[in-house]
Amino acid sequence: MSTKLDDPKKLAELKKQLEALAGHEIDASPQQIIRFRYPVSSSTSADGSTTWRNIFFPGKSCSDANLLDVDGAGWTGSNGQQTFLLSDVLCWSSFIFAYPANVVATARGASPFILTTDYHTVGPAPGTLNTDLQITVYAWQPGGAPAPGVSFDWRCRVVSVPIIF
């Protein structure tokens, strides 16, 4: 016998009702919604280095860098895509993200899908020094058509430049 909390149809209906109340789509599974709060990412920050190549002079140079490693989960919308800002999943108020960056996404489940990613820096936001990283994850069916509703895990490693006032 199913209860309201384990019936997929009732959970999906609950999600629709909560989205109507919130006035926007809620980026969470029906099972996550019943908690009214759910994790979206985890992150670590570590000392590292960045290697630079010179355009006019041969060779390379290296400098210290703060490297941010962030991971999360999501799923594609009706167009087979999900776009988000890195700052949307971090509890930071000041940030500058810079290249190089590496973004990887992996489909979750037994069905075959192809995932690709794209990213670029955006900003600075008006009145701030914040330069964000916008990430888009695309899901494709094996024949090449966009794949909506694909659950995926993602990971991003990016240079994080400290803001010093």
Protein backbone atom coordinates (compact mmCIF):
# COMPACT_ATOMS: atom_id res chain seq x y z
CA MET A 1 0.00 0.00 0.00
CA SER A 2 1.42 3.38 -0.94
CA THR A 3 1.29 6.51 1.14
CA LYS A 4 1.22 10.08 -0.12
CA LEU A 5 4.98 10.36 0.42
CA ASP A 6 5.98 7.38 -1.73
CA ASP A 7 3.39 7.61 -4.54
CA PRO A 8 5.19 9.07 -7.61
CA LYS A 9 1.98 10.58 -9.02
CA LYS A 10 1.16 12.34 -5.76
CA LEU A 11 4.76 13.61 -5.43
CA ALA A 12 4.65 14.97 -8.99
CA GLU A 13 1.35 16.70 -8.24
CA LEU A 14 2.81 18.16 -5.02
CA LYS A 15 5.74 19.53 -7.03
CA LYS A 16 3.36 21.21 -9.51
CA GLN A 17 1.39 22.77 -6.67
CA LEU A 18 4.54 24.07 -4.94
CA GLU A 19 5.82 25.53 -8.24
CA ALA A 20 2.48 27.33 -8.66
CA LEU A 21 2.80 28.76 -5.14
CA ALA A 22 6.46 29.72 -5.64
CA GLY A 23 5.78 31.26 -9.06
CA HIS A 24 8.71 29.49 -10.73
CA GLU A 25 9.97 26.05 -11.68
CA ILE A 26 11.64 24.27 -8.77
CA ASP A 27 14.87 22.55 -9.77
CA ALA A 28 14.44 19.49 -7.56
CA SER A 29 13.06 16.00 -7.87
CA PRO A 30 9.65 15.29 -6.35
CA GLN A 31 11.38 13.21 -3.66
CA GLN A 32 13.59 16.18 -2.69
CA ILE A 33 10.66 18.59 -2.55
CA ILE A 34 8.93 16.84 0.33
CA ARG A 35 11.77 18.06 2.56
CA PHE A 36 11.31 21.74 1.46
CA ARG A 37 15.11 22.01 1.47
CA TYR A 38 17.67 20.08 -0.50
CA PRO A 39 21.42 20.20 -1.19
CA VAL A 40 22.53 21.54 -4.58
CA SER A 41 26.31 21.42 -4.39
CA SER A 42 29.45 20.91 -2.38
CA SER A 43 32.75 22.69 -2.80
CA THR A 44 36.34 22.90 -1.66
CA SER A 45 38.96 25.54 -2.17
CA ALA A 46 42.67 24.75 -2.25
CA ASP A 47 46.01 26.36 -2.98
CA GLY A 48 47.39 25.50 -6.39
CA SER A 49 49.25 27.09 -9.27
CA THR A 50 48.46 28.37 -12.74
CA THR A 51 50.86 27.94 -15.64
CA TRP A 52 51.03 30.79 -18.20
CA ARG A 53 52.38 30.65 -21.75
CA ASN A 54 53.91 33.80 -23.21
CA ILE A 55 52.68 35.02 -26.61
CA PHE A 56 55.84 36.85 -27.64
CA PHE A 57 58.55 35.17 -25.59
CA PRO A 58 59.21 31.43 -25.50
CA GLY A 59 58.60 29.49 -22.35
CA LYS A 60 56.18 29.54 -19.50
CA SER A 61 55.73 31.09 -16.08
CA CYS A 62 53.86 29.92 -13.02
CA SER A 63 51.98 31.73 -10.28
CA ASP A 64 50.12 30.74 -7.15
CA ALA A 65 46.35 30.38 -7.55
CA ASN A 66 43.32 29.49 -5.48
CA LEU A 67 41.49 26.57 -7.10
CA LEU A 68 37.80 26.03 -6.49
CA ASP A 69 36.33 22.56 -6.98
CA VAL A 70 32.50 22.45 -7.02
CA ASP A 71 30.09 19.63 -7.77
CA GLY A 72 26.34 19.35 -7.94
CA ALA A 73 23.39 17.70 -9.60
CA GLY A 74 20.64 18.77 -11.95
CA TRP A 75 18.50 17.75 -14.87
CA THR A 76 17.76 19.17 -18.25
CA GLY A 77 14.64 21.15 -19.02
CA SER A 78 12.19 20.66 -21.86
CA ASN A 79 14.82 21.95 -24.34
CA GLY A 80 17.43 19.40 -23.21
CA GLN A 81 19.52 22.06 -21.43
CA GLN A 82 20.20 23.50 -18.01
CA THR A 83 22.02 26.82 -17.57
CA PHE A 84 23.16 28.15 -14.20
CA LEU A 85 25.69 30.48 -12.62
CA LEU A 86 28.36 29.01 -10.40
CA SER A 87 27.46 31.60 -7.75
CA ASP A 88 23.93 30.09 -7.64
CA VAL A 89 25.33 27.03 -5.87
CA LEU A 90 27.90 28.71 -3.59
CA CYS A 91 27.43 30.56 -0.30
CA TRP A 92 29.89 33.30 -1.26
CA SER A 93 29.03 36.97 -1.66
CA SER A 94 32.29 38.09 -3.32
CA PHE A 95 33.91 36.15 -6.15
CA ILE A 96 35.91 36.38 -9.34
CA PHE A 97 36.18 33.19 -11.36
CA ALA A 98 38.78 33.03 -14.10
CA TYR A 99 40.17 30.63 -16.66
CA PRO A 100 41.31 27.97 -16.89
CA ALA A 101 38.15 26.12 -15.94
CA ASN A 102 37.09 22.52 -16.45
CA VAL A 103 33.44 21.45 -16.46
CA VAL A 104 32.28 17.83 -16.72
CA ALA A 105 28.76 16.38 -16.59
CA THR A 106 27.72 12.72 -16.36
CA ALA A 107 24.24 11.36 -16.99
CA ARG A 108 22.67 9.41 -14.14
CA GLY A 109 20.69 6.26 -14.90
CA ALA A 110 20.65 3.25 -17.18
CA SER A 111 19.51 5.00 -20.40
CA PRO A 112 22.19 6.10 -22.88
CA PHE A 113 22.58 9.89 -23.27
CA ILE A 114 25.37 12.14 -24.46
CA LEU A 115 26.14 15.20 -22.33
CA THR A 116 28.13 18.21 -23.44
CA THR A 117 28.97 21.38 -21.52
CA ASP A 118 29.73 24.98 -22.31
CA TYR A 119 30.85 27.77 -20.00
CA HIS A 120 32.00 31.37 -20.06
CA THR A 121 32.67 34.15 -17.59
CA VAL A 122 30.01 36.83 -17.12
CA GLY A 123 30.14 40.13 -15.30
CA PRO A 124 31.19 41.97 -13.37
CA ALA A 125 27.76 42.43 -11.83
CA PRO A 126 26.73 46.11 -11.49
CA GLY A 127 28.14 47.66 -8.33
CA THR A 128 30.42 44.71 -7.63
CA LEU A 129 33.69 43.22 -8.78
CA ASN A 130 32.04 39.78 -9.10
CA THR A 131 32.87 37.85 -12.28
CA ASP A 132 30.79 34.69 -12.44
CA LEU A 133 30.99 31.48 -14.46
CA GLN A 134 27.88 30.57 -16.46
CA ILE A 135 27.60 26.85 -17.15
CA THR A 136 25.25 25.15 -19.62
CA VAL A 137 24.77 21.38 -19.71
CA TYR A 138 23.25 19.90 -22.89
CA ALA A 139 21.77 16.40 -23.08
CA TRP A 140 21.42 14.56 -26.40
CA GLN A 141 19.67 11.38 -27.37
CA PRO A 142 21.86 8.87 -29.24
CA GLY A 143 20.38 10.08 -32.57
CA GLY A 144 21.34 13.70 -31.83
CA ALA A 145 17.99 15.17 -30.73
CA PRO A 146 17.88 17.18 -27.47
CA ALA A 147 17.02 15.02 -24.45
CA PRO A 148 14.71 16.63 -21.86
CA GLY A 149 14.52 15.48 -18.25
CA VAL A 150 17.97 13.88 -18.06
CA SER A 151 19.36 13.73 -14.51
CA PHE A 152 23.07 14.43 -14.28
CA ASP A 153 25.93 15.09 -11.89
CA TRP A 154 28.42 17.85 -12.72
CA ARG A 155 31.79 19.03 -11.51
CA CYS A 156 33.71 22.24 -12.11
CA ARG A 157 37.25 23.21 -11.24
CA VAL A 158 38.06 26.87 -11.76
CA VAL A 159 40.58 29.49 -10.71
CA SER A 160 39.11 31.65 -7.96
CA VAL A 161 40.70 35.09 -7.65
CA PRO A 162 40.44 36.59 -4.17
CA ILE A 163 38.85 40.04 -3.92
CA ILE A 164 41.01 42.25 -1.71
CA PHE A 165 39.61 45.59 -0.56
